């Protein structure tokens, strides 16, 4: 049996739980979430290699 776990849903779930438990941290959680999703998107977009095409 293979288990494939994507990182984006795990980060989203963790952010949601932290917001429910500690609402005062909402700004920080949203900021870290957006940064994490952006980095995951960039790494996924370039296939793990950073290339800049101008």
N, C-alpha and C. Protein backbone atom coordinates (compact mmCIF):
# COMPACT_ATOMS: atom_id res chain seq x y z
N UNK A 1 0.84 -1.18 0.00
CA UNK A 1 0.00 0.00 0.00
C UNK A 1 0.89 1.25 0.00
N UNK A 2 0.65 2.15 -0.94
CA UNK A 2 1.41 3.39 -1.04
C UNK A 2 0.56 4.54 -0.52
N UNK A 3 1.18 5.43 0.23
CA UNK A 3 0.50 6.61 0.74
C UNK A 3 1.19 7.83 0.18
N UNK A 4 0.48 8.60 -0.64
CA UNK A 4 1.02 9.83 -1.21
C UNK A 4 0.41 11.00 -0.46
N UNK A 5 1.25 11.78 0.18
CA UNK A 5 0.80 12.91 0.98
C UNK A 5 1.35 14.19 0.36
N UNK A 6 0.44 15.06 -0.03
CA UNK A 6 0.84 16.33 -0.61
C UNK A 6 1.09 17.34 0.51
N UNK A 7 2.02 18.23 0.31
CA UNK A 7 2.41 19.18 1.35
C UNK A 7 1.39 20.31 1.51
N UNK A 8 0.75 20.73 0.46
CA UNK A 8 -0.17 21.87 0.52
C UNK A 8 -1.36 21.59 1.45
N UNK A 9 -2.05 20.46 1.32
CA UNK A 9 -3.17 20.21 2.25
C UNK A 9 -2.72 20.09 3.71
N UNK A 10 -1.54 19.56 3.94
CA UNK A 10 -1.04 19.44 5.31
C UNK A 10 -0.79 20.83 5.90
N UNK A 11 -0.17 21.70 5.12
CA UNK A 11 0.08 23.08 5.59
C UNK A 11 -1.24 23.80 5.82
N UNK A 12 -2.21 23.59 4.96
CA UNK A 12 -3.52 24.24 5.11
C UNK A 12 -4.23 23.75 6.37
N UNK A 13 -4.20 22.45 6.59
CA UNK A 13 -4.83 21.89 7.78
C UNK A 13 -4.18 22.41 9.05
N UNK A 14 -2.87 22.42 9.08
CA UNK A 14 -2.15 22.93 10.24
C UNK A 14 -2.47 24.41 10.49
N UNK A 15 -2.50 25.20 9.43
CA UNK A 15 -2.83 26.62 9.58
C UNK A 15 -4.24 26.81 10.11
N UNK A 16 -5.19 26.04 9.60
CA UNK A 16 -6.57 26.13 10.07
C UNK A 16 -6.72 25.77 11.54
N UNK A 17 -6.05 24.71 11.96
CA UNK A 17 -6.12 24.30 13.37
C UNK A 17 -5.49 25.37 14.27
N UNK A 18 -4.35 25.90 13.86
CA UNK A 18 -3.70 26.94 14.67
C UNK A 18 -4.56 28.19 14.78
N UNK A 19 -5.27 28.55 13.72
CA UNK A 19 -6.15 29.72 13.76
C UNK A 19 -7.30 29.48 14.73
N UNK A 20 -7.85 28.25 14.73
CA UNK A 20 -8.93 27.93 15.66
C UNK A 20 -8.45 27.96 17.11
N UNK A 21 -7.26 27.45 17.35
CA UNK A 21 -6.75 27.35 18.71
C UNK A 21 -6.25 28.70 19.22
N UNK A 22 -5.57 29.46 18.36
CA UNK A 22 -4.98 30.74 18.78
C UNK A 22 -5.35 31.83 17.77
N UNK A 23 -6.55 32.39 17.86
CA UNK A 23 -7.00 33.39 16.88
C UNK A 23 -6.12 34.63 16.81
N UNK A 24 -5.40 34.97 17.89
CA UNK A 24 -4.56 36.16 17.87
C UNK A 24 -3.38 36.01 16.93
N UNK A 25 -3.05 34.79 16.55
CA UNK A 25 -1.92 34.55 15.65
C UNK A 25 -2.33 34.55 14.18
N UNK A 26 -3.55 34.97 13.89
CA UNK A 26 -4.07 34.89 12.53
C UNK A 26 -3.16 35.57 11.51
N UNK A 27 -2.70 36.77 11.78
CA UNK A 27 -1.85 37.48 10.81
C UNK A 27 -0.56 36.72 10.52
N UNK A 28 0.07 36.20 11.57
CA UNK A 28 1.33 35.48 11.38
C UNK A 28 1.10 34.16 10.65
N UNK A 29 0.02 33.47 11.00
CA UNK A 29 -0.27 32.19 10.36
C UNK A 29 -0.55 32.39 8.87
N UNK A 30 -1.35 33.41 8.54
CA UNK A 30 -1.65 33.69 7.14
C UNK A 30 -0.38 34.07 6.38
N UNK A 31 0.47 34.87 7.00
CA UNK A 31 1.71 35.28 6.33
C UNK A 31 2.60 34.07 6.07
N UNK A 32 2.81 33.23 7.08
CA UNK A 32 3.65 32.04 6.90
C UNK A 32 3.04 31.08 5.89
N UNK A 33 1.70 30.96 5.92
CA UNK A 33 1.01 30.08 4.97
C UNK A 33 1.24 30.56 3.53
N UNK A 34 1.07 31.84 3.31
CA UNK A 34 1.25 32.38 1.96
C UNK A 34 2.69 32.22 1.48
N UNK A 35 3.64 32.45 2.37
CA UNK A 35 5.04 32.26 2.00
C UNK A 35 5.31 30.79 1.67
N UNK A 36 4.80 29.89 2.50
CA UNK A 36 5.02 28.45 2.27
C UNK A 36 4.39 28.00 0.96
N UNK A 37 3.17 28.43 0.68
CA UNK A 37 2.49 28.04 -0.56
C UNK A 37 3.23 28.62 -1.77
N UNK A 38 3.72 29.85 -1.64
CA UNK A 38 4.49 30.45 -2.74
C UNK A 38 5.77 29.68 -3.02
N UNK A 39 6.48 29.30 -1.96
CA UNK A 39 7.71 28.52 -2.15
C UNK A 39 7.43 27.15 -2.73
N UNK A 40 6.38 26.51 -2.23
CA UNK A 40 6.01 25.19 -2.77
C UNK A 40 5.65 25.32 -4.25
N UNK A 41 4.92 26.38 -4.61
CA UNK A 41 4.55 26.59 -6.00
C UNK A 41 5.76 26.84 -6.89
N UNK A 42 6.70 27.62 -6.40
CA UNK A 42 7.90 27.89 -7.18
C UNK A 42 8.74 26.63 -7.37
N UNK A 43 8.90 25.87 -6.33
CA UNK A 43 9.68 24.63 -6.42
C UNK A 43 8.99 23.65 -7.35
N UNK A 44 7.67 23.55 -7.25
CA UNK A 44 6.92 22.66 -8.13
C UNK A 44 6.93 23.13 -9.57
N UNK A 45 6.88 24.45 -9.76
CA UNK A 45 6.85 25.02 -11.10
C UNK A 45 8.14 24.74 -11.85
N UNK A 46 9.27 24.85 -11.17
CA UNK A 46 10.55 24.65 -11.81
C UNK A 46 11.07 23.23 -11.66
N UNK A 47 10.28 22.35 -11.10
CA UNK A 47 10.70 20.96 -10.95
C UNK A 47 11.89 20.78 -10.02
N UNK A 48 12.03 21.65 -9.05
CA UNK A 48 13.12 21.55 -8.12
C UNK A 48 14.37 22.27 -8.56
N UNK A 49 14.37 22.78 -9.80
CA UNK A 49 15.52 23.51 -10.32
C UNK A 49 15.09 24.94 -10.57
N UNK A 50 15.89 25.86 -10.13
CA UNK A 50 15.55 27.27 -10.30
C UNK A 50 16.16 27.79 -11.60
N UNK A 51 15.30 28.08 -12.57
CA UNK A 51 15.71 28.62 -13.86
C UNK A 51 14.96 29.91 -14.09
N UNK A 52 15.62 30.89 -14.59
CA UNK A 52 14.97 32.16 -14.92
C UNK A 52 15.11 32.39 -16.42
N UNK A 53 13.96 32.43 -17.10
CA UNK A 53 13.95 32.65 -18.54
C UNK A 53 13.46 34.06 -18.81
N UNK A 54 14.30 34.85 -19.42
CA UNK A 54 13.93 36.24 -19.72
C UNK A 54 13.64 36.40 -21.21
